[in-house]
């Protein structure tokens, strides 16, 4: 769900000052936002929705990493590396899914507060009404699959490949900059 993507992906807004995060939302707006969140993410479907968002993203991440020059070279040199990498990614996916499922209540609360800060009671009701329409329901169902769409998956792999291409050099440069004066003399 596109709305859910904002909840699980880092954003530029995170870098903003904490003043907005501290402001307590109006109780009426918060109640309306909670009702809206229950429509957007029905309590009985939340874990499934999270998994539907995260699994394709992690799959694309894994595929992108495996296709990067650095990883593909390492895997070509050591045949066991591919098995080890798959096991590593399985552990990461399990850990991420568990973390997200365990964090659902606090995520839903945070989302309700965020919606309450951004939308007044009437706007929450209007948005809720949209999602009660056939178009709104279709959007909710289809938006869960957006991250698995071939175009989005290809873009994610491309971004990962590009990121990984620079990672080794960036880490080496950082290590050089972070070295203590004694280490730099060596």
C-alpha atoms as a PDB file:
ATOM      1  CA  UNK A   1       0.000   0.000   0.000  1.00  0.00           C
ATOM      2  CA  UNK A   2       1.465   3.332  -1.036  1.00  0.00           C
ATOM      3  CA  UNK A   3       0.314   4.904   2.214  1.00  0.00           C
ATOM      4  CA  UNK A   4       2.014   2.121   4.112  1.00  0.00           C
ATOM      5  CA  UNK A   5       5.228   2.568   2.170  1.00  0.00           C
ATOM      6  CA  UNK A   6       5.690   5.917   3.853  1.00  0.00           C
ATOM      7  CA  UNK A   7       5.426   4.206   7.201  1.00  0.00           C
ATOM      8  CA  UNK A   8       8.104   1.652   6.543  1.00  0.00           C
ATOM      9  CA  UNK A   9      10.535   3.541   4.348  1.00  0.00           C
ATOM     10  CA  UNK A  10      12.802   6.324   5.530  1.00  0.00           C
ATOM     11  CA  UNK A  11      11.878   9.763   4.303  1.00  0.00           C
ATOM     12  CA  UNK A  12      13.351  13.211   4.015  1.00  0.00           C
ATOM     13  CA  UNK A  13      10.762  14.355   6.518  1.00  0.00           C
ATOM     14  CA  UNK A  14      12.535  12.248   9.144  1.00  0.00           C
ATOM     15  CA  UNK A  15      15.418  14.684   8.993  1.00  0.00           C
ATOM     16  CA  UNK A  16      13.196  17.583  10.037  1.00  0.00           C
ATOM     17  CA  UNK A  17      13.308  18.877  13.583  1.00  0.00           C
ATOM     18  CA  UNK A  18      11.460  16.987  16.257  1.00  0.00           C
ATOM     19  CA  UNK A  19       9.012  19.822  17.006  1.00  0.00           C
ATOM     20  CA  UNK A  20       6.323  18.366  14.733  1.00  0.00           C
ATOM     21  CA  UNK A  21       6.849  14.897  16.184  1.00  0.00           C
ATOM     22  CA  UNK A  22       6.342  16.239  19.700  1.00  0.00           C
ATOM     23  CA  UNK A  23       3.171  18.251  19.090  1.00  0.00           C
ATOM     24  CA  UNK A  24       0.239  16.304  20.525  1.00  0.00           C
ATOM     25  CA  UNK A  25      -2.595  15.993  18.022  1.00  0.00           C
ATOM     26  CA  UNK A  26      -6.080  17.232  18.810  1.00  0.00           C
ATOM     27  CA  UNK A  27      -8.088  14.358  20.398  1.00  0.00           C
ATOM     28  CA  UNK A  28     -10.949  14.666  17.868  1.00  0.00           C
ATOM     29  CA  UNK A  29      -8.511  14.583  14.966  1.00  0.00           C
ATOM     30  CA  UNK A  30      -6.710  11.628  16.521  1.00  0.00           C
ATOM     31  CA  UNK A  31      -9.972   9.702  16.871  1.00  0.00           C
ATOM     32  CA  UNK A  32     -10.851  10.409  13.224  1.00  0.00           C
ATOM     33  CA  UNK A  33      -7.336   9.420  12.151  1.00  0.00           C
ATOM     34  CA  UNK A  34      -7.571   6.131  14.066  1.00  0.00           C
ATOM     35  CA  UNK A  35     -10.842   5.356  12.271  1.00  0.00           C
ATOM     36  CA  UNK A  36      -9.162   6.131   8.953  1.00  0.00           C
ATOM     37  CA  UNK A  37      -6.157   3.931   9.764  1.00  0.00           C
ATOM     38  CA  UNK A  38      -8.536   1.082  10.605  1.00  0.00           C
ATOM     39  CA  UNK A  39      -9.976   1.413   7.086  1.00  0.00           C
ATOM     40  CA  UNK A  40      -6.587   1.783   5.390  1.00  0.00           C
ATOM     41  CA  UNK A  41      -5.075  -1.039   7.410  1.00  0.00           C
ATOM     42  CA  UNK A  42      -7.832  -3.245   8.807  1.00  0.00           C
ATOM     43  CA  UNK A  43      -6.566  -4.756  12.066  1.00  0.00           C
ATOM     44  CA  UNK A  44      -7.165  -8.320  10.846  1.00  0.00           C
ATOM     45  CA  UNK A  45      -5.079  -7.686   7.693  1.00  0.00           C
ATOM     46  CA  UNK A  46      -2.189  -5.617   9.041  1.00  0.00           C
ATOM     47  CA  UNK A  47       0.416  -8.370   9.349  1.00  0.00           C
ATOM     48  CA  UNK A  48      -0.427  -9.656   5.866  1.00  0.00           C
ATOM     49  CA  UNK A  49      -0.259  -6.129   4.449  1.00  0.00           C
ATOM     50  CA  UNK A  50       3.162  -5.512   5.977  1.00  0.00           C
ATOM     51  CA  UNK A  51       4.449  -8.806   4.627  1.00  0.00           C
ATOM     52  CA  UNK A  52       3.007  -7.968   1.207  1.00  0.00           C
ATOM     53  CA  UNK A  53       4.985  -4.729   1.193  1.00  0.00           C
ATOM     54  CA  UNK A  54       8.246  -5.875   2.743  1.00  0.00           C
ATOM     55  CA  UNK A  55       8.764  -9.262   1.033  1.00  0.00           C
ATOM     56  CA  UNK A  56       8.987  -7.864  -2.527  1.00  0.00           C
ATOM     57  CA  UNK A  57      11.245  -5.025  -1.376  1.00  0.00           C
ATOM     58  CA  UNK A  58      13.616  -7.462   0.341  1.00  0.00           C
ATOM     59  CA  UNK A  59      13.503  -9.757  -2.696  1.00  0.00           C
ATOM     60  CA  UNK A  60      14.452  -6.869  -4.948  1.00  0.00           C
ATOM     61  CA  UNK A  61      17.206  -5.877  -2.531  1.00  0.00           C
ATOM     62  CA  UNK A  62      18.582  -9.417  -2.546  1.00  0.00           C
ATOM     63  CA  UNK A  63      18.466  -9.648  -6.321  1.00  0.00           C
ATOM     64  CA  UNK A  64      20.082  -6.229  -6.705  1.00  0.00           C
ATOM     65  CA  UNK A  65      22.876  -7.108  -4.302  1.00  0.00           C
ATOM     66  CA  UNK A  66      23.477 -10.465  -5.989  1.00  0.00           C
ATOM     67  CA  UNK A  67      23.754  -8.746  -9.370  1.00  0.00           C
ATOM     68  CA  UNK A  68      26.160  -6.055  -8.196  1.00  0.00           C
ATOM     69  CA  UNK A  69      29.703  -6.396  -9.540  1.00  0.00           C
ATOM     70  CA  UNK A  70      31.161  -6.690  -6.033  1.00  0.00           C
ATOM     71  CA  UNK A  71      28.821  -9.505  -4.931  1.00  0.00           C
ATOM     72  CA  UNK A  72      28.711 -11.363  -8.231  1.00  0.00           C
ATOM     73  CA  UNK A  73      32.518 -11.393  -8.311  1.00  0.00           C
ATOM     74  CA  UNK A  74      32.705 -12.700  -4.741  1.00  0.00           C
ATOM     75  CA  UNK A  75      30.105 -15.373  -5.492  1.00  0.00           C
ATOM     76  CA  UNK A  76      31.948 -16.448  -8.639  1.00  0.00           C
ATOM     77  CA  UNK A  77      35.164 -16.882  -6.638  1.00  0.00           C
ATOM     78  CA  UNK A  78      33.509 -18.844  -3.828  1.00  0.00           C
ATOM     79  CA  UNK A  79      30.597 -21.139  -4.772  1.00  0.00           C
ATOM     80  CA  UNK A  80      29.546 -21.445  -1.115  1.00  0.00           C
ATOM     81  CA  UNK A  81      29.104 -17.675  -0.957  1.00  0.00           C
ATOM     82  CA  UNK A  82      25.809 -17.905  -2.864  1.00  0.00           C
ATOM     83  CA  UNK A  83      24.408 -20.397  -0.332  1.00  0.00           C
ATOM     84  CA  UNK A  84      25.694 -18.302   2.558  1.00  0.00           C
ATOM     85  CA  UNK A  85      24.232 -15.148   1.029  1.00  0.00           C
ATOM     86  CA  UNK A  86      20.827 -16.809   0.547  1.00  0.00           C
ATOM     87  CA  UNK A  87      20.866 -17.980   4.183  1.00  0.00           C
ATOM     88  CA  UNK A  88      21.891 -14.486   5.318  1.00  0.00           C
ATOM     89  CA  UNK A  89      19.042 -12.892   3.356  1.00  0.00           C
ATOM     90  CA  UNK A  90      16.551 -15.458   4.708  1.00  0.00           C
ATOM     91  CA  UNK A  91      17.610 -14.536   8.247  1.00  0.00           C
ATOM     92  CA  UNK A  92      17.316 -10.847   7.430  1.00  0.00           C
ATOM     93  CA  UNK A  93      13.844 -11.313   5.958  1.00  0.00           C
ATOM     94  CA  UNK A  94      12.687 -13.326   8.974  1.00  0.00           C
ATOM     95  CA  UNK A  95      14.155 -10.751  11.356  1.00  0.00           C
ATOM     96  CA  UNK A  96      12.633  -7.830   9.429  1.00  0.00           C
ATOM     97  CA  UNK A  97       9.203  -9.467   9.237  1.00  0.00           C
ATOM     98  CA  UNK A  98       9.252 -10.285  12.952  1.00  0.00           C
ATOM     99  CA  UNK A  99      10.359  -6.760  13.801  1.00  0.00           C
ATOM    100  CA  UNK A 100       7.621  -5.242  11.639  1.00  0.00           C
ATOM    101  CA  UNK A 101       4.891  -7.541  13.021  1.00  0.00           C
ATOM    102  CA  UNK A 102       6.004  -6.863  16.598  1.00  0.00           C
ATOM    103  CA  UNK A 103       6.118  -3.143  15.859  1.00  0.00           C
ATOM    104  CA  UNK A 104       2.676  -2.972  14.236  1.00  0.00           C
ATOM    105  CA  UNK A 105       0.818  -1.541  17.248  1.00  0.00           C
ATOM    106  CA  UNK A 106       3.309   1.288  17.721  1.00  0.00           C
ATOM    107  CA  UNK A 107       3.485   1.888  13.948  1.00  0.00           C
ATOM    108  CA  UNK A 108      -0.306   2.178  13.748  1.00  0.00           C
ATOM    109  CA  UNK A 109      -0.305   4.570  16.701  1.00  0.00           C
ATOM    110  CA  UNK A 110       2.455   6.666  15.108  1.00  0.00           C
ATOM    111  CA  UNK A 111       0.597   6.721  11.788  1.00  0.00           C
ATOM    112  CA  UNK A 112      -2.642   7.792  13.474  1.00  0.00           C
ATOM    113  CA  UNK A 113      -0.825  10.660  15.196  1.00  0.00           C
ATOM    114  CA  UNK A 114       0.845  11.654  11.916  1.00  0.00           C
ATOM    115  CA  UNK A 115      -2.478  11.625  10.059  1.00  0.00           C
ATOM    116  CA  UNK A 116      -4.105  13.606  12.889  1.00  0.00           C
ATOM    117  CA  UNK A 117      -1.436  16.290  12.573  1.00  0.00           C
ATOM    118  CA  UNK A 118      -1.876  16.556   8.809  1.00  0.00           C
ATOM    119  CA  UNK A 119      -5.614  16.083   8.292  1.00  0.00           C
ATOM    120  CA  UNK A 120      -8.532  17.584  10.152  1.00  0.00           C
ATOM    121  CA  UNK A 121     -11.629  15.572  11.116  1.00  0.00           C
ATOM    122  CA  UNK A 122     -13.495  16.416   7.891  1.00  0.00           C
ATOM    123  CA  UNK A 123     -10.501  15.477   5.732  1.00  0.00           C
ATOM    124  CA  UNK A 124     -10.105  12.148   7.546  1.00  0.00           C
ATOM    125  CA  UNK A 125     -13.775  11.429   6.922  1.00  0.00           C
ATOM    126  CA  UNK A 126     -13.446  12.395   3.236  1.00  0.00           C
ATOM    127  CA  UNK A 127     -10.440  10.121   2.800  1.00  0.00           C
ATOM    128  CA  UNK A 128     -12.250   7.328   4.631  1.00  0.00           C
ATOM    129  CA  UNK A 129     -15.267   7.828   2.351  1.00  0.00           C
ATOM    130  CA  UNK A 130     -13.047   7.537  -0.727  1.00  0.00           C
ATOM    131  CA  UNK A 131     -11.693   4.204   0.452  1.00  0.00           C
ATOM    132  CA  UNK A 132     -15.271   2.966   0.873  1.00  0.00           C
ATOM    133  CA  UNK A 133     -15.883   3.492  -2.873  1.00  0.00           C
ATOM    134  CA  UNK A 134     -15.129   0.804  -5.479  1.00  0.00           C
ATOM    135  CA  UNK A 135     -12.153   2.874  -6.699  1.00  0.00           C
ATOM    136  CA  UNK A 136     -10.841   3.302  -3.178  1.00  0.00           C
ATOM    137  CA  UNK A 137     -11.150  -0.415  -2.435  1.00  0.00           C
ATOM    138  CA  UNK A 138      -9.460  -1.262  -5.754  1.00  0.00           C
ATOM    139  CA  UNK A 139      -6.636   1.127  -4.900  1.00  0.00           C
ATOM    140  CA  UNK A 140      -6.150  -0.458  -1.476  1.00  0.00           C
ATOM    141  CA  UNK A 141      -6.021  -3.970  -2.950  1.00  0.00           C
ATOM    142  CA  UNK A 142      -3.744  -3.118  -5.859  1.00  0.00           C
ATOM    143  CA  UNK A 143      -1.425  -0.775  -4.001  1.00  0.00           C
ATOM    144  CA  UNK A 144      -0.179  -3.723  -1.964  1.00  0.00           C
ATOM    145  CA  UNK A 145       1.338  -5.201  -5.123  1.00  0.00           C
ATOM    146  CA  UNK A 146       3.037  -2.052  -6.417  1.00  0.00           C
ATOM    147  CA  UNK A 147       6.442  -2.930  -4.941  1.00  0.00           C
ATOM    148  CA  UNK A 148       6.326  -6.288  -6.755  1.00  0.00           C
ATOM    149  CA  UNK A 149       5.498  -4.696 -10.123  1.00  0.00           C
ATOM    150  CA  UNK A 150       8.187  -5.531 -12.705  1.00  0.00           C
ATOM    151  CA  UNK A 151       8.942  -1.850 -13.410  1.00  0.00           C
ATOM    152  CA  UNK A 152       9.295  -0.984  -9.717  1.00  0.00           C
ATOM    153  CA  UNK A 153      11.335  -4.126  -9.079  1.00  0.00           C
ATOM    154  CA  UNK A 154      13.663  -3.282 -11.977  1.00  0.00           C
ATOM    155  CA  UNK A 155      14.079   0.262 -10.653  1.00  0.00           C
ATOM    156  CA  UNK A 156      14.894  -1.031  -7.151  1.00  0.00           C
ATOM    157  CA  UNK A 157      17.469  -3.470  -8.534  1.00  0.00           C
ATOM    158  CA  UNK A 158      19.000  -0.687 -10.614  1.00  0.00           C
ATOM    159  CA  UNK A 159      19.245   1.565  -7.562  1.00  0.00           C
ATOM    160  CA  UNK A 160      20.799  -1.212  -5.493  1.00  0.00           C
ATOM    161  CA  UNK A 161      23.267  -2.043  -8.250  1.00  0.00           C
ATOM    162  CA  UNK A 162      24.257   1.611  -8.561  1.00  0.00           C
ATOM    163  CA  UNK A 163      24.579   1.951  -4.804  1.00  0.00           C
ATOM    164  CA  UNK A 164      26.666  -1.196  -4.472  1.00  0.00           C
ATOM    165  CA  UNK A 165      28.954  -0.117  -7.324  1.00  0.00           C
ATOM    166  CA  UNK A 166      30.104   2.833  -5.227  1.00  0.00           C
ATOM    167  CA  UNK A 167      29.916   1.169  -1.810  1.00  0.00           C
ATOM    168  CA  UNK A 168      33.347  -0.448  -1.747  1.00  0.00           C
ATOM    169  CA  UNK A 169      35.133   2.773  -2.724  1.00  0.00           C
ATOM    170  CA  UNK A 170      32.982   4.827  -0.345  1.00  0.00           C
ATOM    171  CA  UNK A 171      33.718   2.506   2.590  1.00  0.00           C
ATOM    172  CA  UNK A 172      37.446   2.599   1.833  1.00  0.00           C
ATOM    173  CA  UNK A 173      37.359   6.407   1.665  1.00  0.00           C
ATOM    174  CA  UNK A 174      35.411   6.613   4.925  1.00  0.00           C
ATOM    175  CA  UNK A 175      37.840   4.252   6.665  1.00  0.00           C
ATOM    176  CA  UNK A 176      40.719   6.433   5.502  1.00  0.00           C
ATOM    177  CA  UNK A 177      39.013   9.598   6.778  1.00  0.00           C
ATOM    178  CA  UNK A 178      37.995   8.001  10.069  1.00  0.00           C
ATOM    179  CA  UNK A 179      41.423   6.577  10.834  1.00  0.00           C
ATOM    180  CA  UNK A 180      43.071   7.949  13.949  1.00  0.00           C
ATOM    181  CA  UNK A 181      46.300   9.948  13.500  1.00  0.00           C
ATOM    182  CA  UNK A 182      48.310   6.891  14.658  1.00  0.00           C
ATOM    183  CA  UNK A 183      46.594   4.694  12.074  1.00  0.00           C
ATOM    184  CA  UNK A 184      47.153   7.272   9.339  1.00  0.00           C
ATOM    185  CA  UNK A 185      50.924   7.182   9.990  1.00  0.00           C
ATOM    186  CA  UNK A 186      51.072   3.437   9.270  1.00  0.00           C
END
